[in-house]
Amino acid sequence: MSNTHFVSGASGQLGRAVVELLLASGAKVIAGSRSPEKLMDLKAAGAELRRIDFTDLESVKSALSGVDRALFVSTDAVGQRQGPQIQALQAAAQVGVKHLVYTSLVSADSPEMAISEEHRATEIAIQEAFSSYTLLRNNLYAELLFGAVSQAVSSGQLVTARGKGKVAWVSRQDCARAAAAALEDGFEGRRTLDIAGPHSLTGEETAAILQSVSGQPVQHLAVPAEALKAGMLSAGLPPMMAEILSAFDVSASKGLLDKSAGDLEALTGKGGRTLQELLEANRSAWAL
């Protein structure tokens, strides 16, 4: 087994974090990006840089030459990523990648999960192209809450469309730890893992945590999804982001984001950070 690991999307926050973790462990790392010239600091730290663009199959084949284990970080081109991702993973199989790790989405196999269609199609393509793979179904990044925290602390209300639904918020760094571990552990076979935070939280429980870390009164206000989306739009959120975030709340109300945290600890040997810990460590991102 090769001890060289390939990471796509190394210019993004998740991909970069995975590369840094692998380098810190002493692994040989190939950092892939559409703009590798932006990653000279990673090169200085010991990573090999290669250009990869999922829409350019020759770049995919060249970047993955000699690679046994590769991480494909799902692109952020929502609505346009399915075709390029599937073509790229098929090219990866053709050039001999033996184990593919893919960052998917919680409950990706459910048609009722928000923006899951592209992830579901990519998962199916991986299952057809590879006999050995790891599907990491990441729950929602806790960092997505930072903007809402500021508004909630200011207004005294955390407004959601989740009803009594729960979300096992997970930090991006914990998702990076899971991806790095999946590359390094040498697993051969097929596995699908839920990468989630240590606690599934209702809106009321989340509001209580915001009150605890801010010292200000915060209550949960449940509203219909359309009202939530309208409020986001009036606050200046881009329409696509407002649509996605409100759709996530609807999925949460159906129980699709209430997932066990056990896979993260089993994979990495350590549980994830709690939402309270993450908020306390990142006060500058949300404090008024």
C-alpha atoms as a PDB file:
ATOM      1  CA  MET A   1       0.000   0.000   0.000  1.00  0.00           C
ATOM      2  CA  SER A   2       1.263   3.449  -0.916  1.00  0.00           C
ATOM      3  CA  ASN A   3       1.751   5.873   1.934  1.00  0.00           C
ATOM      4  CA  THR A   4       1.189   8.838  -0.374  1.00  0.00           C
ATOM      5  CA  HIS A   5      -2.266  10.377  -0.064  1.00  0.00           C
ATOM      6  CA  PHE A   6      -3.984  12.628  -2.594  1.00  0.00           C
ATOM      7  CA  VAL A   7      -6.338  15.424  -1.499  1.00  0.00           C
ATOM      8  CA  SER A   8      -8.457  17.374  -3.964  1.00  0.00           C
ATOM      9  CA  GLY A   9      -9.783  20.841  -3.207  1.00  0.00           C
ATOM     10  CA  ALA A  10      -6.646  21.717  -1.256  1.00  0.00           C
ATOM     11  CA  SER A  11      -7.294  25.422  -1.843  1.00  0.00           C
ATOM     12  CA  GLY A  12     -10.537  25.187   0.118  1.00  0.00           C
ATOM     13  CA  GLN A  13     -10.900  25.252   3.877  1.00  0.00           C
ATOM     14  CA  LEU A  14     -11.644  21.549   4.320  1.00  0.00           C
ATOM     15  CA  GLY A  15      -9.094  20.276   1.822  1.00  0.00           C
ATOM     16  CA  ARG A  16      -6.347  22.486   3.237  1.00  0.00           C
ATOM     17  CA  ALA A  17      -7.112  21.316   6.765  1.00  0.00           C
ATOM     18  CA  VAL A  18      -6.826  17.676   5.657  1.00  0.00           C
ATOM     19  CA  VAL A  19      -3.462  18.331   3.979  1.00  0.00           C
ATOM     20  CA  GLU A  20      -2.153  20.068   7.091  1.00  0.00           C
ATOM     21  CA  LEU A  21      -3.237  17.180   9.311  1.00  0.00           C
ATOM     22  CA  LEU A  22      -1.582  14.624   7.029  1.00  0.00           C
ATOM     23  CA  LEU A  23       1.656  16.612   6.906  1.00  0.00           C
ATOM     24  CA  ALA A  24       1.639  16.897  10.697  1.00  0.00           C
ATOM     25  CA  SER A  25       1.388  13.097  10.936  1.00  0.00           C
ATOM     26  CA  GLY A  26       4.409  12.667   8.671  1.00  0.00           C
ATOM     27  CA  ALA A  27       2.475  11.350   5.685  1.00  0.00           C
ATOM     28  CA  LYS A  28       3.454  11.991   2.097  1.00  0.00           C
ATOM     29  CA  VAL A  29       0.777  14.225   0.630  1.00  0.00           C
ATOM     30  CA  ILE A  30      -0.192  15.367  -2.842  1.00  0.00           C
ATOM     31  CA  ALA A  31      -2.292  18.529  -2.637  1.00  0.00           C
ATOM     32  CA  GLY A  32      -4.560  18.921  -5.649  1.00  0.00           C
ATOM     33  CA  SER A  33      -6.091  22.196  -6.757  1.00  0.00           C
ATOM     34  CA  ARG A  34      -7.215  24.041  -9.868  1.00  0.00           C
ATOM     35  CA  SER A  35      -4.732  26.720  -8.784  1.00  0.00           C
ATOM     36  CA  PRO A  36      -1.759  24.945  -7.194  1.00  0.00           C
ATOM     37  CA  GLU A  37       0.308  28.123  -7.432  1.00  0.00           C
ATOM     38  CA  LYS A  38      -1.777  29.396  -4.503  1.00  0.00           C
ATOM     39  CA  LEU A  39      -0.508  26.584  -2.285  1.00  0.00           C
ATOM     40  CA  MET A  40       3.194  27.375  -2.105  1.00  0.00           C
ATOM     41  CA  ASP A  41       3.044  27.415   1.699  1.00  0.00           C
ATOM     42  CA  LEU A  42       1.877  23.798   1.646  1.00  0.00           C
ATOM     43  CA  LYS A  43       4.691  22.949  -0.729  1.00  0.00           C
ATOM     44  CA  ALA A  44       7.155  24.555   1.673  1.00  0.00           C
ATOM     45  CA  ALA A  45       5.663  22.387   4.435  1.00  0.00           C
ATOM     46  CA  GLY A  46       6.329  19.239   2.419  1.00  0.00           C
ATOM     47  CA  ALA A  47       3.319  18.664   0.169  1.00  0.00           C
ATOM     48  CA  GLU A  48       3.647  17.883  -3.520  1.00  0.00           C
ATOM     49  CA  LEU A  49       1.397  20.112  -5.617  1.00  0.00           C
ATOM     50  CA  ARG A  50      -0.563  18.934  -8.649  1.00  0.00           C
ATOM     51  CA  ARG A  51      -3.191  20.653 -10.750  1.00  0.00           C
ATOM     52  CA  ILE A  52      -6.599  18.971 -10.871  1.00  0.00           C
ATOM     53  CA  ASP A  53      -9.821  20.243 -12.389  1.00  0.00           C
ATOM     54  CA  PHE A  54     -12.785  17.875 -12.371  1.00  0.00           C
ATOM     55  CA  THR A  55     -13.945  19.364 -15.698  1.00  0.00           C
ATOM     56  CA  ASP A  56     -10.555  18.532 -17.296  1.00  0.00           C
ATOM     57  CA  LEU A  57     -10.186  14.750 -17.286  1.00  0.00           C
ATOM     58  CA  GLU A  58      -6.588  14.818 -18.502  1.00  0.00           C
ATOM     59  CA  SER A  59      -5.678  16.885 -15.442  1.00  0.00           C
ATOM     60  CA  VAL A  60      -7.490  14.349 -13.242  1.00  0.00           C
ATOM     61  CA  LYS A  61      -5.581  11.409 -14.733  1.00  0.00           C
ATOM     62  CA  SER A  62      -2.265  13.232 -14.491  1.00  0.00           C
ATOM     63  CA  ALA A  63      -2.867  14.384 -10.902  1.00  0.00           C
ATOM     64  CA  LEU A  64      -3.764  10.869  -9.755  1.00  0.00           C
ATOM     65  CA  SER A  65      -0.926   9.072 -11.471  1.00  0.00           C
ATOM     66  CA  GLY A  66       0.620   6.609  -9.005  1.00  0.00           C
ATOM     67  CA  VAL A  67      -1.949   7.329  -6.285  1.00  0.00           C
ATOM     68  CA  ASP A  68      -3.529   4.457  -4.314  1.00  0.00           C
ATOM     69  CA  ARG A  69      -5.744   6.400  -1.887  1.00  0.00           C
ATOM     70  CA  ALA A  70      -7.441   9.674  -2.771  1.00  0.00           C
ATOM     71  CA  LEU A  71      -9.832  12.093  -1.124  1.00  0.00           C
ATOM     72  CA  PHE A  72     -12.343  13.855  -3.350  1.00  0.00           C
ATOM     73  CA  VAL A  73     -13.746  16.884  -1.562  1.00  0.00           C
ATOM     74  CA  SER A  74     -17.149  17.643  -3.043  1.00  0.00           C
ATOM     75  CA  THR A  75     -17.027  20.916  -4.941  1.00  0.00           C
ATOM     76  CA  ASP A  76     -19.056  23.941  -3.900  1.00  0.00           C
ATOM     77  CA  ALA A  77     -20.708  24.316  -7.310  1.00  0.00           C
ATOM     78  CA  VAL A  78     -24.161  23.306  -6.052  1.00  0.00           C
ATOM     79  CA  GLY A  79     -26.360  22.294  -8.970  1.00  0.00           C
ATOM     80  CA  GLN A  80     -23.400  21.883 -11.329  1.00  0.00           C
ATOM     81  CA  ARG A  81     -21.075  19.427  -9.616  1.00  0.00           C
ATOM     82  CA  GLN A  82     -22.658  16.049 -10.312  1.00  0.00           C
ATOM     83  CA  GLY A  83     -21.371  15.551 -13.865  1.00  0.00           C
ATOM     84  CA  PRO A  84     -17.780  16.720 -13.275  1.00  0.00           C
ATOM     85  CA  GLN A  85     -17.491  14.766 -10.005  1.00  0.00           C
ATOM     86  CA  ILE A  86     -18.719  11.536 -11.556  1.00  0.00           C
ATOM     87  CA  GLN A  87     -16.456  11.881 -14.589  1.00  0.00           C
ATOM     88  CA  ALA A  88     -13.495  12.613 -12.328  1.00  0.00           C
ATOM     89  CA  LEU A  89     -14.057   9.623 -10.061  1.00  0.00           C
ATOM     90  CA  GLN A  90     -14.469   7.345 -13.078  1.00  0.00           C
ATOM     91  CA  ALA A  91     -11.149   8.659 -14.385  1.00  0.00           C
ATOM     92  CA  ALA A  92      -9.626   7.991 -10.956  1.00  0.00           C
ATOM     93  CA  ALA A  93     -10.718   4.366 -11.154  1.00  0.00           C
ATOM     94  CA  GLN A  94      -9.309   4.064 -14.667  1.00  0.00           C
ATOM     95  CA  VAL A  95      -5.827   5.225 -13.628  1.00  0.00           C
ATOM     96  CA  GLY A  96      -5.657   2.801 -10.708  1.00  0.00           C
ATOM     97  CA  VAL A  97      -6.796   4.603  -7.559  1.00  0.00           C
ATOM     98  CA  LYS A  98      -7.652   1.732  -5.249  1.00  0.00           C
ATOM     99  CA  HIS A  99      -9.540   3.482  -2.454  1.00  0.00           C
ATOM    100  CA  LEU A 100     -11.614   6.642  -2.870  1.00  0.00           C
ATOM    101  CA  VAL A 101     -12.771   8.783   0.047  1.00  0.00           C
ATOM    102  CA  TYR A 102     -15.623  11.191  -0.714  1.00  0.00           C
ATOM    103  CA  THR A 103     -17.056  13.973   1.440  1.00  0.00           C
ATOM    104  CA  SER A 104     -20.781  13.466   1.112  1.00  0.00           C
ATOM    105  CA  LEU A 105     -23.752  14.823   3.055  1.00  0.00           C
ATOM    106  CA  VAL A 106     -25.740  13.550   6.019  1.00  0.00           C
ATOM    107  CA  SER A 107     -28.733  11.430   4.899  1.00  0.00           C
ATOM    108  CA  ALA A 108     -27.557  11.660   1.284  1.00  0.00           C
ATOM    109  CA  ASP A 109     -29.558   8.532   0.470  1.00  0.00           C
ATOM    110  CA  SER A 110     -32.848  10.246   1.377  1.00  0.00           C
ATOM    111  CA  PRO A 111     -34.721  12.131  -1.370  1.00  0.00           C
ATOM    112  CA  GLU A 112     -36.065  14.412   1.370  1.00  0.00           C
ATOM    113  CA  MET A 113     -32.601  15.635   2.372  1.00  0.00           C
ATOM    114  CA  ALA A 114     -31.808  19.128   1.106  1.00  0.00           C
ATOM    115  CA  ILE A 115     -29.348  19.354  -1.826  1.00  0.00           C
ATOM    116  CA  SER A 116     -28.721  15.607  -1.585  1.00  0.00           C
ATOM    117  CA  GLU A 117     -29.402  14.629  -5.201  1.00  0.00           C
ATOM    118  CA  GLU A 118     -25.867  15.332  -6.470  1.00  0.00           C
ATOM    119  CA  HIS A 119     -24.284  13.621  -3.469  1.00  0.00           C
ATOM    120  CA  ARG A 120     -26.577  10.612  -3.892  1.00  0.00           C
ATOM    121  CA  ALA A 121     -25.690  10.308  -7.589  1.00  0.00           C
ATOM    122  CA  THR A 122     -21.980  10.640  -6.810  1.00  0.00           C
ATOM    123  CA  GLU A 123     -22.204   7.966  -4.108  1.00  0.00           C
ATOM    124  CA  ILE A 124     -23.891   5.567  -6.542  1.00  0.00           C
ATOM    125  CA  ALA A 125     -21.201   6.239  -9.156  1.00  0.00           C
ATOM    126  CA  ILE A 126     -18.481   5.523  -6.575  1.00  0.00           C
ATOM    127  CA  GLN A 127     -20.163   2.261  -5.611  1.00  0.00           C
ATOM    128  CA  GLU A 128     -20.221   1.243  -9.265  1.00  0.00           C
ATOM    129  CA  ALA A 129     -16.628   2.269 -10.057  1.00  0.00           C
ATOM    130  CA  PHE A 130     -14.766   1.181  -6.896  1.00  0.00           C
ATOM    131  CA  SER A 131     -14.653  -2.014  -4.882  1.00  0.00           C
ATOM    132  CA  SER A 132     -13.047  -0.088  -2.002  1.00  0.00           C
ATOM    133  CA  TYR A 133     -14.280   3.299  -0.794  1.00  0.00           C
ATOM    134  CA  THR A 134     -15.223   5.461   2.175  1.00  0.00           C
ATOM    135  CA  LEU A 135     -18.284   7.707   2.028  1.00  0.00           C
ATOM    136  CA  LEU A 136     -18.101  10.378   4.725  1.00  0.00           C
ATOM    137  CA  ARG A 137     -21.585  11.761   5.240  1.00  0.00           C
ATOM    138  CA  ASN A 138     -20.775  15.018   6.992  1.00  0.00           C
ATOM    139  CA  ASN A 139     -23.459  16.679   9.085  1.00  0.00           C
ATOM    140  CA  LEU A 140     -23.894  20.448   8.879  1.00  0.00           C
ATOM    141  CA  TYR A 141     -20.830  22.526   9.685  1.00  0.00           C
ATOM    142  CA  ALA A 142     -21.241  24.255  13.030  1.00  0.00           C
ATOM    143  CA  GLU A 143     -19.494  27.237  11.455  1.00  0.00           C
ATOM    144  CA  LEU A 144     -22.672  27.831   9.421  1.00  0.00           C
ATOM    145  CA  LEU A 145     -24.241  29.003  12.658  1.00  0.00           C
ATOM    146  CA  PHE A 146     -21.845  31.857  13.317  1.00  0.00           C
ATOM    147  CA  GLY A 147     -23.857  34.429  11.363  1.00  0.00           C
ATOM    148  CA  ALA A 148     -27.115  33.302  12.961  1.00  0.00           C
ATOM    149  CA  VAL A 149     -25.529  33.481  16.415  1.00  0.00           C
ATOM    150  CA  SER A 150     -24.783  37.189  16.060  1.00  0.00           C
ATOM    151  CA  GLN A 151     -28.372  37.882  15.009  1.00  0.00           C
ATOM    152  CA  ALA A 152     -29.801  35.685  17.756  1.00  0.00           C
ATOM    153  CA  VAL A 153     -27.744  37.300  20.505  1.00  0.00           C
ATOM    154  CA  SER A 154     -28.646  40.768  19.224  1.00  0.00           C
ATOM    155  CA  SER A 155     -32.379  40.098  18.890  1.00  0.00           C
ATOM    156  CA  GLY A 156     -32.800  37.576  21.685  1.00  0.00           C
ATOM    157  CA  GLN A 157     -34.334  35.088  19.259  1.00  0.00           C
ATOM    158  CA  LEU A 158     -32.880  32.142  17.373  1.00  0.00           C
ATOM    159  CA  VAL A 159     -35.268  31.807  14.442  1.00  0.00           C
ATOM    160  CA  THR A 160     -35.455  28.402  12.723  1.00  0.00           C
ATOM    161  CA  ALA A 161     -37.840  26.268  10.691  1.00  0.00           C
ATOM    162  CA  ARG A 162     -36.687  23.040  12.352  1.00  0.00           C
ATOM    163  CA  GLY A 163     -39.635  22.647  14.702  1.00  0.00           C
ATOM    164  CA  LYS A 164     -38.530  19.987  17.192  1.00  0.00           C
ATOM    165  CA  GLY A 165     -35.968  18.582  14.757  1.00  0.00           C
ATOM    166  CA  LYS A 166     -32.358  18.086  15.838  1.00  0.00           C
ATOM    167  CA  VAL A 167     -29.002  18.780  14.185  1.00  0.00           C
ATOM    168  CA  ALA A 168     -25.720  17.105  15.176  1.00  0.00           C
ATOM    169  CA  TRP A 169     -23.611  20.158  14.302  1.00  0.00           C
ATOM    170  CA  VAL A 170     -20.007  19.197  13.509  1.00  0.00           C
ATOM    171  CA  SER A 171     -16.956  21.409  13.156  1.00  0.00           C
ATOM    172  CA  ARG A 172     -15.132  21.601   9.844  1.00  0.00           C
ATOM    173  CA  GLN A 173     -11.910  20.606  11.602  1.00  0.00           C
ATOM    174  CA  ASP A 174     -13.523  17.428  12.902  1.00  0.00           C
ATOM    175  CA  CYS A 175     -14.637  16.617   9.344  1.00  0.00           C
ATOM    176  CA  ALA A 176     -11.031  17.165   8.257  1.00  0.00           C
ATOM    177  CA  ARG A 177      -9.824  14.798  10.991  1.00  0.00           C
ATOM    178  CA  ALA A 178     -12.230  12.158   9.729  1.00  0.00           C
ATOM    179  CA  ALA A 179     -11.054  12.533   6.133  1.00  0.00           C
ATOM    180  CA  ALA A 180      -7.376  12.371   7.090  1.00  0.00           C
ATOM    181  CA  ALA A 181      -8.005   9.268   9.197  1.00  0.00           C
ATOM    182  CA  ALA A 182      -9.920   7.588   6.373  1.00  0.00           C
ATOM    183  CA  LEU A 183      -6.909   8.067   4.103  1.00  0.00           C
ATOM    184  CA  GLU A 184      -4.357   6.921   6.663  1.00  0.00           C
ATOM    185  CA  ASP A 185      -6.020   3.900   8.245  1.00  0.00           C
ATOM    186  CA  GLY A 186      -5.458   1.605   5.271  1.00  0.00           C
ATOM    187  CA  PHE A 187      -9.054   0.352   5.299  1.00  0.00           C
ATOM    188  CA  GLU A 188      -9.953  -1.802   2.312  1.00  0.00           C
ATOM    189  CA  GLY A 189     -13.597  -2.475   1.606  1.00  0.00           C
ATOM    190  CA  ARG A 190     -16.783  -0.450   1.504  1.00  0.00           C
ATOM    191  CA  ARG A 191     -17.979   1.795   4.318  1.00  0.00           C
ATOM    192  CA  THR A 192     -20.411   4.657   4.781  1.00  0.00           C
ATOM    193  CA  LEU A 193     -19.864   6.753   7.907  1.00  0.00           C
ATOM    194  CA  ASP A 194     -21.900   9.522   9.544  1.00  0.00           C
ATOM    195  CA  ILE A 195     -19.538  12.299  10.637  1.00  0.00           C
ATOM    196  CA  ALA A 196     -21.399  14.268  13.275  1.00  0.00           C
ATOM    197  CA  GLY A 197     -20.901  16.328  16.387  1.00  0.00           C
ATOM    198  CA  PRO A 198     -21.191  14.783  19.862  1.00  0.00           C
ATOM    199  CA  HIS A 199     -24.745  16.002  20.474  1.00  0.00           C
ATOM    200  CA  SER A 200     -27.905  16.318  18.399  1.00  0.00           C
ATOM    201  CA  LEU A 201     -29.542  19.596  19.394  1.00  0.00           C
ATOM    202  CA  THR A 202     -33.049  21.003  19.069  1.00  0.00           C
ATOM    203  CA  GLY A 203     -33.597  24.687  18.412  1.00  0.00           C
ATOM    204  CA  GLU A 204     -34.384  25.177  22.101  1.00  0.00           C
ATOM    205  CA  GLU A 205     -31.167  23.441  23.161  1.00  0.00           C
ATOM    206  CA  THR A 206     -29.166  25.463  20.660  1.00  0.00           C
ATOM    207  CA  ALA A 207     -30.684  28.701  21.932  1.00  0.00           C
ATOM    208  CA  ALA A 208     -29.762  27.704  25.492  1.00  0.00           C
ATOM    209  CA  ILE A 209     -26.144  27.208  24.409  1.00  0.00           C
ATOM    210  CA  LEU A 210     -26.125  30.644  22.724  1.00  0.00           C
ATOM    211  CA  GLN A 211     -27.449  32.178  25.908  1.00  0.00           C
ATOM    212  CA  SER A 212     -24.780  30.403  27.938  1.00  0.00           C
ATOM    213  CA  VAL A 213     -21.827  31.519  25.808  1.00  0.00           C
ATOM    214  CA  SER A 214     -23.081  35.075  25.218  1.00  0.00           C
ATOM    215  CA  GLY A 215     -24.535  35.877  28.628  1.00  0.00           C
ATOM    216  CA  GLN A 216     -27.568  37.345  26.837  1.00  0.00           C
ATOM    217  CA  PRO A 217     -31.129  35.960  26.846  1.00  0.00           C
ATOM    218  CA  VAL A 218     -31.841  33.911  23.717  1.00  0.00           C
ATOM    219  CA  GLN A 219     -35.044  32.024  22.972  1.00  0.00           C
ATOM    220  CA  HIS A 220     -35.918  29.723  20.095  1.00  0.00           C
ATOM    221  CA  LEU A 221     -38.632  30.902  17.709  1.00  0.00           C
ATOM    222  CA  ALA A 222     -40.023  28.280  15.343  1.00  0.00           C
ATOM    223  CA  VAL A 223     -41.417  29.634  12.056  1.00  0.00           C
ATOM    224  CA  PRO A 224     -42.463  28.160   8.686  1.00  0.00           C
ATOM    225  CA  ALA A 225     -39.677  27.657   6.150  1.00  0.00           C
ATOM    226  CA  GLU A 226     -40.997  30.356   3.825  1.00  0.00           C
ATOM    227  CA  ALA A 227     -40.991  32.884   6.649  1.00  0.00           C
ATOM    228  CA  LEU A 228     -37.433  31.923   7.543  1.00  0.00           C
ATOM    229  CA  LYS A 229     -36.312  32.292   3.944  1.00  0.00           C
ATOM    230  CA  ALA A 230     -38.043  35.662   3.627  1.00  0.00           C
ATOM    231  CA  GLY A 231     -36.276  36.875   6.750  1.00  0.00           C
ATOM    232  CA  MET A 232     -32.906  35.759   5.395  1.00  0.00           C
ATOM    233  CA  LEU A 233     -33.536  37.537   2.109  1.00  0.00           C
ATOM    234  CA  SER A 234     -34.544  40.745   3.873  1.00  0.00           C
ATOM    235  CA  ALA A 235     -31.312  40.511   5.880  1.00  0.00           C
ATOM    236  CA  GLY A 236     -29.348  40.486   2.617  1.00  0.00           C
ATOM    237  CA  LEU A 237     -28.527  36.799   2.280  1.00  0.00           C
ATOM    238  CA  PRO A 238     -28.082  35.673  -1.348  1.00  0.00           C
ATOM    239  CA  PRO A 239     -31.202  33.876  -2.655  1.00  0.00           C
ATOM    240  CA  MET A 240     -29.444  30.547  -3.212  1.00  0.00           C
ATOM    241  CA  MET A 241     -27.993  30.536   0.304  1.00  0.00           C
ATOM    242  CA  ALA A 242     -31.368  31.444   1.820  1.00  0.00           C
ATOM    243  CA  GLU A 243     -32.987  28.615  -0.133  1.00  0.00           C
ATOM    244  CA  ILE A 244     -30.375  26.070   0.962  1.00  0.00           C
ATOM    245  CA  LEU A 245     -30.379  27.047   4.642  1.00  0.00           C
ATOM    246  CA  SER A 246     -34.173  27.016   4.898  1.00  0.00           C
ATOM    247  CA  ALA A 247     -34.231  23.647   3.097  1.00  0.00           C
ATOM    248  CA  PHE A 248     -31.753  22.260   5.637  1.00  0.00           C
ATOM    249  CA  ASP A 249     -34.138  23.301   8.405  1.00  0.00           C
ATOM    250  CA  VAL A 250     -36.993  21.457   6.713  1.00  0.00           C
ATOM    251  CA  SER A 251     -34.799  18.348   6.470  1.00  0.00           C
ATOM    252  CA  ALA A 252     -33.906  18.707  10.150  1.00  0.00           C
ATOM    253  CA  SER A 253     -37.607  18.903  11.047  1.00  0.00           C
ATOM    254  CA  LYS A 254     -37.978  15.462   9.429  1.00  0.00           C
ATOM    255  CA  GLY A 255     -35.207  13.956  11.569  1.00  0.00           C
ATOM    256  CA  LEU A 256     -32.661  13.687   8.755  1.00  0.00           C
ATOM    257  CA  LEU A 257     -29.882  15.575  10.585  1.00  0.00           C
ATOM    258  CA  ASP A 258     -30.251  13.733  13.882  1.00  0.00           C
ATOM    259  CA  LYS A 259     -27.373  11.309  13.356  1.00  0.00           C
ATOM    260  CA  SER A 260     -25.102   9.398  15.706  1.00  0.00           C
ATOM    261  CA  ALA A 261     -21.665  10.803  16.498  1.00  0.00           C
ATOM    262  CA  GLY A 262     -20.151   7.350  17.027  1.00  0.00           C
ATOM    263  CA  ASP A 263     -18.514   6.980  13.627  1.00  0.00           C
ATOM    264  CA  LEU A 264     -16.275  10.025  14.117  1.00  0.00           C
ATOM    265  CA  GLU A 265     -14.832   8.723  17.364  1.00  0.00           C
ATOM    266  CA  ALA A 266     -14.470   5.176  16.019  1.00  0.00           C
ATOM    267  CA  LEU A 267     -12.607   6.457  12.959  1.00  0.00           C
ATOM    268  CA  THR A 268     -10.335   9.002  14.651  1.00  0.00           C
ATOM    269  CA  GLY A 269     -10.139   7.796  18.242  1.00  0.00           C
ATOM    270  CA  LYS A 270     -11.555  11.081  19.488  1.00  0.00           C
ATOM    271  CA  GLY A 271     -15.010  12.609  19.618  1.00  0.00           C
ATOM    272  CA  GLY A 272     -15.851  15.950  18.065  1.00  0.00           C
ATOM    273  CA  ARG A 273     -15.977  19.353  19.715  1.00  0.00           C
ATOM    274  CA  THR A 274     -19.283  20.416  21.188  1.00  0.00           C
ATOM    275  CA  LEU A 275     -21.102  23.415  19.786  1.00  0.00           C
ATOM    276  CA  GLN A 276     -20.463  25.302  23.013  1.00  0.00           C
ATOM    277  CA  GLU A 277     -16.728  24.606  22.826  1.00  0.00           C
ATOM    278  CA  LEU A 278     -16.599  25.765  19.211  1.00  0.00           C
ATOM    279  CA  LEU A 279     -18.507  28.978  19.905  1.00  0.00           C
ATOM    280  CA  GLU A 280     -16.352  29.792  22.911  1.00  0.00           C
ATOM    281  CA  ALA A 281     -13.185  29.221  20.862  1.00  0.00           C
ATOM    282  CA  ASN A 282     -14.408  31.452  18.013  1.00  0.00           C
ATOM    283  CA  ARG A 283     -15.929  34.443  19.743  1.00  0.00           C
ATOM    284  CA  SER A 284     -14.453  36.847  17.226  1.00  0.00           C
ATOM    285  CA  ALA A 285     -16.558  35.207  14.499  1.00  0.00           C
ATOM    286  CA  TRP A 286     -19.920  35.941  16.129  1.00  0.00           C
ATOM    287  CA  ALA A 287     -19.594  38.193  19.196  1.00  0.00           C
ATOM    288  CA  LEU A 288     -21.166  41.632  18.920  1.00  0.00           C
END
